[in-house]
N, C-alpha and C. Protein backbone atom coordinates (compact mmCIF):
# COMPACT_ATOMS: atom_id res chain seq x y z
N GLU A 1 92.05 82.34 120.33
CA GLU A 1 91.18 81.34 120.89
C GLU A 1 91.94 80.02 120.87
N PHE A 2 91.68 79.20 121.89
CA PHE A 2 92.35 77.90 121.95
C PHE A 2 91.35 76.80 121.63
N ASP A 3 91.71 75.95 120.68
CA ASP A 3 90.86 74.83 120.27
C ASP A 3 91.31 73.59 121.05
N TYR A 4 90.47 73.15 121.99
CA TYR A 4 90.83 72.00 122.83
C TYR A 4 90.78 70.68 122.08
N ASP A 5 90.09 70.63 120.94
CA ASP A 5 90.07 69.41 120.15
C ASP A 5 91.41 69.19 119.45
N THR A 6 91.96 70.26 118.88
CA THR A 6 93.23 70.15 118.16
C THR A 6 94.42 70.55 119.02
N MET A 7 94.13 71.16 120.21
CA MET A 7 95.16 71.65 121.12
C MET A 7 96.07 72.68 120.45
N GLN A 8 95.43 73.56 119.67
CA GLN A 8 96.17 74.61 118.97
C GLN A 8 95.47 75.95 119.12
N LYS A 9 96.27 77.01 118.99
CA LYS A 9 95.68 78.36 118.95
C LYS A 9 95.05 78.56 117.58
N VAL A 10 93.90 79.22 117.56
CA VAL A 10 93.19 79.47 116.32
C VAL A 10 92.86 80.96 116.26
N LYS A 11 93.18 81.58 115.13
CA LYS A 11 92.85 82.98 114.96
C LYS A 11 91.35 83.11 114.74
N VAL A 12 90.73 84.04 115.45
CA VAL A 12 89.31 84.28 115.31
C VAL A 12 89.12 85.23 114.14
N ASN A 13 88.36 84.80 113.15
CA ASN A 13 88.11 85.60 111.95
C ASN A 13 86.66 86.03 111.86
N ASP A 14 86.00 86.18 113.00
CA ASP A 14 84.59 86.56 113.01
C ASP A 14 84.41 88.01 112.56
N LEU A 15 83.26 88.28 111.99
CA LEU A 15 82.91 89.64 111.60
C LEU A 15 82.75 90.48 112.85
N CYS A 16 83.42 91.60 112.88
CA CYS A 16 83.31 92.55 113.99
C CYS A 16 82.99 93.91 113.38
N GLU A 17 81.72 94.28 113.46
CA GLU A 17 81.31 95.54 112.87
C GLU A 17 81.53 96.69 113.85
N PHE A 18 81.86 97.85 113.31
CA PHE A 18 82.06 99.03 114.14
C PHE A 18 81.59 100.24 113.35
N PRO A 19 81.04 101.23 114.05
CA PRO A 19 80.52 102.41 113.36
C PRO A 19 81.63 103.40 113.00
N MET A 20 81.38 104.22 112.00
CA MET A 20 82.33 105.27 111.64
C MET A 20 82.18 106.47 112.58
N LYS A 21 81.00 106.62 113.15
CA LYS A 21 80.75 107.68 114.13
C LYS A 21 80.05 107.05 115.33
N LEU A 22 80.39 107.53 116.53
CA LEU A 22 79.85 106.94 117.75
C LEU A 22 79.58 108.04 118.77
N ASN A 23 78.37 108.02 119.29
CA ASN A 23 78.01 108.95 120.36
C ASN A 23 78.12 108.18 121.67
N MET A 24 79.03 108.60 122.52
CA MET A 24 79.29 107.89 123.78
C MET A 24 78.41 108.38 124.93
N ALA A 25 77.54 109.36 124.69
CA ALA A 25 76.71 109.93 125.75
C ALA A 25 75.92 108.86 126.53
N PRO A 26 75.34 107.86 125.88
CA PRO A 26 74.58 106.86 126.64
C PRO A 26 75.43 106.05 127.62
N TYR A 27 76.74 106.10 127.48
CA TYR A 27 77.63 105.30 128.32
C TYR A 27 78.34 106.14 129.39
N THR A 28 77.89 107.36 129.57
CA THR A 28 78.51 108.25 130.55
C THR A 28 77.78 108.20 131.89
N ARG A 29 78.40 108.77 132.87
CA ARG A 29 77.81 108.83 134.20
C ARG A 29 76.49 109.63 134.17
N GLN A 30 76.42 110.65 133.33
CA GLN A 30 75.19 111.45 133.24
C GLN A 30 74.02 110.61 132.75
N ALA A 31 74.29 109.63 131.90
CA ALA A 31 73.22 108.79 131.35
C ALA A 31 72.71 107.78 132.36
N SER A 32 73.58 107.29 133.23
CA SER A 32 73.17 106.30 134.22
C SER A 32 73.90 106.57 135.54
N PRO A 33 73.52 107.62 136.21
CA PRO A 33 74.19 107.95 137.47
C PRO A 33 73.90 106.90 138.55
N GLU A 34 74.81 106.83 139.51
CA GLU A 34 74.69 105.84 140.57
C GLU A 34 73.50 106.09 141.48
N ASP A 35 73.11 107.35 141.64
CA ASP A 35 72.01 107.65 142.56
C ASP A 35 70.63 107.46 141.94
N GLY A 36 70.57 107.11 140.66
CA GLY A 36 69.30 106.84 140.01
C GLY A 36 68.64 108.05 139.38
N ASP A 37 69.16 109.23 139.63
CA ASP A 37 68.60 110.44 139.02
C ASP A 37 69.37 110.75 137.74
N SER A 38 68.68 110.69 136.61
CA SER A 38 69.36 110.99 135.36
C SER A 38 69.60 112.50 135.26
N GLN A 39 70.71 112.85 134.65
CA GLN A 39 71.06 114.25 134.47
C GLN A 39 70.93 114.61 133.00
N GLU A 40 70.86 115.89 132.73
CA GLU A 40 70.74 116.33 131.35
C GLU A 40 72.03 116.02 130.59
N MET A 41 71.86 115.48 129.39
CA MET A 41 73.01 115.11 128.57
C MET A 41 73.59 116.35 127.89
N PRO A 42 74.91 116.42 127.74
CA PRO A 42 75.50 117.57 127.05
C PRO A 42 75.08 117.59 125.59
N ALA A 43 74.71 118.75 125.10
CA ALA A 43 74.27 118.89 123.71
C ALA A 43 75.35 119.54 122.85
N ASP A 44 76.54 119.66 123.40
CA ASP A 44 77.61 120.34 122.67
C ASP A 44 78.40 119.43 121.74
N GLY A 45 78.03 118.17 121.63
CA GLY A 45 78.75 117.23 120.77
C GLY A 45 80.02 116.68 121.39
N SER A 46 80.24 116.97 122.67
CA SER A 46 81.47 116.52 123.33
C SER A 46 81.53 115.01 123.50
N SER A 47 80.43 114.33 123.29
CA SER A 47 80.40 112.86 123.41
C SER A 47 80.43 112.18 122.05
N ASP A 48 80.59 112.95 120.98
CA ASP A 48 80.62 112.39 119.63
C ASP A 48 82.06 112.12 119.20
N TYR A 49 82.29 110.93 118.68
CA TYR A 49 83.62 110.53 118.23
C TYR A 49 83.53 109.98 116.82
N ALA A 50 84.58 110.22 116.03
CA ALA A 50 84.68 109.71 114.67
C ALA A 50 85.86 108.75 114.60
N LEU A 51 85.67 107.63 113.92
CA LEU A 51 86.73 106.64 113.76
C LEU A 51 87.88 107.28 112.99
N CYS A 52 89.09 107.11 113.49
CA CYS A 52 90.24 107.70 112.80
C CYS A 52 91.35 106.68 112.57
N GLY A 53 91.15 105.43 112.97
CA GLY A 53 92.18 104.43 112.73
C GLY A 53 91.68 103.02 112.95
N VAL A 54 92.26 102.09 112.20
CA VAL A 54 91.94 100.67 112.31
C VAL A 54 93.26 99.90 112.18
N VAL A 55 93.48 98.94 113.07
CA VAL A 55 94.66 98.08 112.99
C VAL A 55 94.24 96.77 112.32
N LEU A 56 95.01 96.36 111.31
CA LEU A 56 94.71 95.14 110.56
C LEU A 56 95.80 94.10 110.82
N HIS A 57 95.41 92.84 110.88
CA HIS A 57 96.37 91.75 111.06
C HIS A 57 96.16 90.74 109.95
N SER A 58 97.25 90.31 109.34
CA SER A 58 97.18 89.22 108.37
C SER A 58 98.08 88.11 108.90
N GLY A 59 97.62 86.89 108.75
CA GLY A 59 98.40 85.76 109.23
C GLY A 59 97.61 84.85 110.13
N THR A 60 98.32 84.15 110.97
CA THR A 60 97.69 83.16 111.85
C THR A 60 97.72 83.67 113.29
N ALA A 61 97.26 82.84 114.22
CA ALA A 61 97.30 83.21 115.63
C ALA A 61 98.73 83.23 116.15
N ASP A 62 99.64 82.53 115.50
CA ASP A 62 101.03 82.45 115.95
C ASP A 62 101.95 83.47 115.29
N SER A 63 101.62 83.90 114.09
CA SER A 63 102.50 84.84 113.40
C SER A 63 101.69 85.63 112.39
N GLY A 64 102.29 86.69 111.90
CA GLY A 64 101.59 87.49 110.91
C GLY A 64 102.20 88.87 110.76
N HIS A 65 101.41 89.75 110.22
CA HIS A 65 101.87 91.10 109.89
C HIS A 65 100.76 92.09 110.23
N TYR A 66 101.13 93.24 110.76
CA TYR A 66 100.18 94.29 111.08
C TYR A 66 100.34 95.46 110.13
N SER A 67 99.22 96.07 109.78
CA SER A 67 99.22 97.33 109.05
C SER A 67 98.10 98.18 109.64
N SER A 68 98.03 99.42 109.25
CA SER A 68 97.04 100.33 109.83
C SER A 68 96.34 101.15 108.75
N LEU A 69 95.09 101.45 109.02
CA LEU A 69 94.33 102.41 108.22
C LEU A 69 94.16 103.64 109.10
N VAL A 70 94.54 104.80 108.58
CA VAL A 70 94.51 106.03 109.36
C VAL A 70 93.81 107.13 108.57
N LYS A 71 92.91 107.82 109.26
CA LYS A 71 92.22 108.95 108.66
C LYS A 71 93.00 110.22 108.99
N VAL A 72 93.49 110.88 107.95
CA VAL A 72 94.26 112.11 108.13
C VAL A 72 93.27 113.26 108.28
N ALA A 73 93.59 114.16 109.18
CA ALA A 73 92.70 115.28 109.51
C ALA A 73 92.13 115.96 108.28
N ASP A 74 90.96 116.52 108.47
CA ASP A 74 90.27 117.18 107.36
C ASP A 74 91.14 118.26 106.72
N ASP A 75 91.18 118.21 105.42
CA ASP A 75 91.86 119.23 104.63
C ASP A 75 90.76 120.12 104.06
N PRO A 76 90.84 121.44 104.24
CA PRO A 76 89.78 122.32 103.76
C PRO A 76 89.47 122.16 102.28
N GLU A 77 90.48 121.79 101.50
CA GLU A 77 90.26 121.65 100.05
C GLU A 77 89.80 120.26 99.65
N ARG A 78 90.35 119.22 100.28
CA ARG A 78 90.05 117.84 99.87
C ARG A 78 89.19 117.08 100.86
N GLY A 79 89.03 117.58 102.07
CA GLY A 79 88.30 116.84 103.09
C GLY A 79 89.20 115.78 103.70
N ALA A 80 88.63 114.90 104.49
CA ALA A 80 89.41 113.86 105.16
C ALA A 80 89.82 112.79 104.15
N GLN A 81 90.99 112.20 104.37
CA GLN A 81 91.49 111.14 103.50
C GLN A 81 92.02 109.99 104.35
N TRP A 82 91.68 108.77 103.96
CA TRP A 82 92.18 107.57 104.63
C TRP A 82 93.42 107.08 103.89
N TYR A 83 94.38 106.54 104.67
CA TYR A 83 95.60 105.96 104.11
C TYR A 83 95.87 104.62 104.77
N GLU A 84 96.48 103.72 104.01
CA GLU A 84 96.96 102.46 104.58
C GLU A 84 98.46 102.60 104.81
N PHE A 85 98.88 102.32 106.05
CA PHE A 85 100.29 102.34 106.42
C PHE A 85 100.74 100.89 106.56
N ASN A 86 101.58 100.46 105.64
CA ASN A 86 102.05 99.07 105.62
C ASN A 86 103.58 99.11 105.53
N ASP A 87 104.22 99.05 106.67
CA ASP A 87 105.67 99.22 106.77
C ASP A 87 106.06 100.57 106.17
N THR A 88 106.88 100.57 105.14
CA THR A 88 107.32 101.84 104.55
C THR A 88 106.42 102.32 103.42
N VAL A 89 105.39 101.56 103.10
CA VAL A 89 104.50 101.91 102.00
C VAL A 89 103.23 102.56 102.55
N VAL A 90 102.94 103.76 102.07
CA VAL A 90 101.73 104.48 102.46
C VAL A 90 100.94 104.74 101.19
N THR A 91 99.68 104.26 101.16
CA THR A 91 98.85 104.44 99.97
C THR A 91 97.48 104.96 100.37
N PRO A 92 96.86 105.76 99.49
CA PRO A 92 95.49 106.22 99.77
C PRO A 92 94.55 105.02 99.89
N PHE A 93 93.53 105.17 100.70
CA PHE A 93 92.59 104.07 100.96
C PHE A 93 91.17 104.64 100.93
N THR A 94 90.24 103.88 100.39
CA THR A 94 88.85 104.31 100.29
C THR A 94 88.08 103.89 101.54
N GLU A 95 87.41 104.84 102.17
CA GLU A 95 86.66 104.58 103.40
C GLU A 95 85.62 103.47 103.21
N GLU A 96 85.01 103.41 102.05
CA GLU A 96 83.98 102.39 101.80
C GLU A 96 84.54 100.97 101.83
N ASP A 97 85.86 100.82 101.67
CA ASP A 97 86.47 99.49 101.67
C ASP A 97 86.86 99.00 103.06
N ILE A 98 86.71 99.83 104.08
CA ILE A 98 87.13 99.45 105.43
C ILE A 98 86.42 98.20 105.93
N PRO A 99 85.08 98.10 105.85
CA PRO A 99 84.43 96.88 106.36
C PRO A 99 84.94 95.61 105.71
N GLN A 100 85.17 95.63 104.42
CA GLN A 100 85.66 94.44 103.71
C GLN A 100 87.09 94.10 104.12
N GLU A 101 87.94 95.09 104.25
CA GLU A 101 89.34 94.85 104.61
C GLU A 101 89.51 94.45 106.07
N ALA A 102 88.62 94.92 106.94
CA ALA A 102 88.74 94.63 108.36
C ALA A 102 88.13 93.28 108.74
N PHE A 103 87.42 92.64 107.82
CA PHE A 103 86.80 91.34 108.11
C PHE A 103 87.80 90.23 107.83
N GLY A 104 87.95 89.33 108.78
CA GLY A 104 88.96 88.28 108.69
C GLY A 104 88.75 87.24 107.63
N GLY A 105 87.53 86.99 107.22
CA GLY A 105 87.30 85.97 106.20
C GLY A 105 86.44 84.84 106.72
N HIS A 106 86.19 83.91 105.85
CA HIS A 106 85.34 82.76 106.17
C HIS A 106 86.21 81.52 106.37
N PRO A 107 85.99 80.78 107.46
CA PRO A 107 86.82 79.59 107.72
C PRO A 107 86.68 78.52 106.66
N ASP A 108 85.60 78.52 105.88
CA ASP A 108 85.43 77.53 104.82
C ASP A 108 86.31 77.82 103.61
N ASP A 109 86.81 79.05 103.52
CA ASP A 109 87.67 79.46 102.42
C ASP A 109 89.10 79.02 102.76
N PRO A 110 89.69 78.10 101.97
CA PRO A 110 91.03 77.60 102.32
C PRO A 110 92.11 78.67 102.32
N ASN A 111 91.89 79.79 101.62
CA ASN A 111 92.88 80.86 101.58
C ASN A 111 92.58 81.98 102.56
N ALA A 112 91.49 81.87 103.29
CA ALA A 112 91.06 82.96 104.17
C ALA A 112 92.10 83.30 105.22
N PHE A 113 92.70 82.29 105.82
CA PHE A 113 93.64 82.54 106.90
C PHE A 113 94.97 83.08 106.40
N ALA A 114 95.32 82.76 105.16
CA ALA A 114 96.58 83.27 104.60
C ALA A 114 96.47 84.76 104.30
N ARG A 115 95.30 85.22 103.92
CA ARG A 115 95.16 86.62 103.54
C ARG A 115 94.29 87.42 104.50
N SER A 116 93.79 86.79 105.54
CA SER A 116 92.85 87.48 106.43
C SER A 116 93.49 88.67 107.11
N ARG A 117 92.70 89.72 107.25
CA ARG A 117 93.16 90.94 107.90
C ARG A 117 92.10 91.38 108.85
N ASN A 118 92.31 91.15 110.13
CA ASN A 118 91.39 91.68 111.15
C ASN A 118 92.11 91.81 112.45
């Protein structure tokens, strides 16, 4: 975002919520066809999606660092596992921490922009 008062680029640190599971059926052609006749929605789950990755940014609008949170495919013994990929360091990550880590921070916090990740 560009701040015309200061004439500088400003990183947007607003909260951006996203679901862990999303059904895209309401956004398909079958849900809102052009001819006005609705069609039956597929019941096979083909429109269901699960979040499997998040890109995080720390830094300012001009510079910073990117890392990723990635959900590794389900393991029959352990189930799905999230990991943080940060350059050469890969560490396990807790799914419940994703909303907190993906939120950029509060502009009133003087350290928010130095550590913000969104």
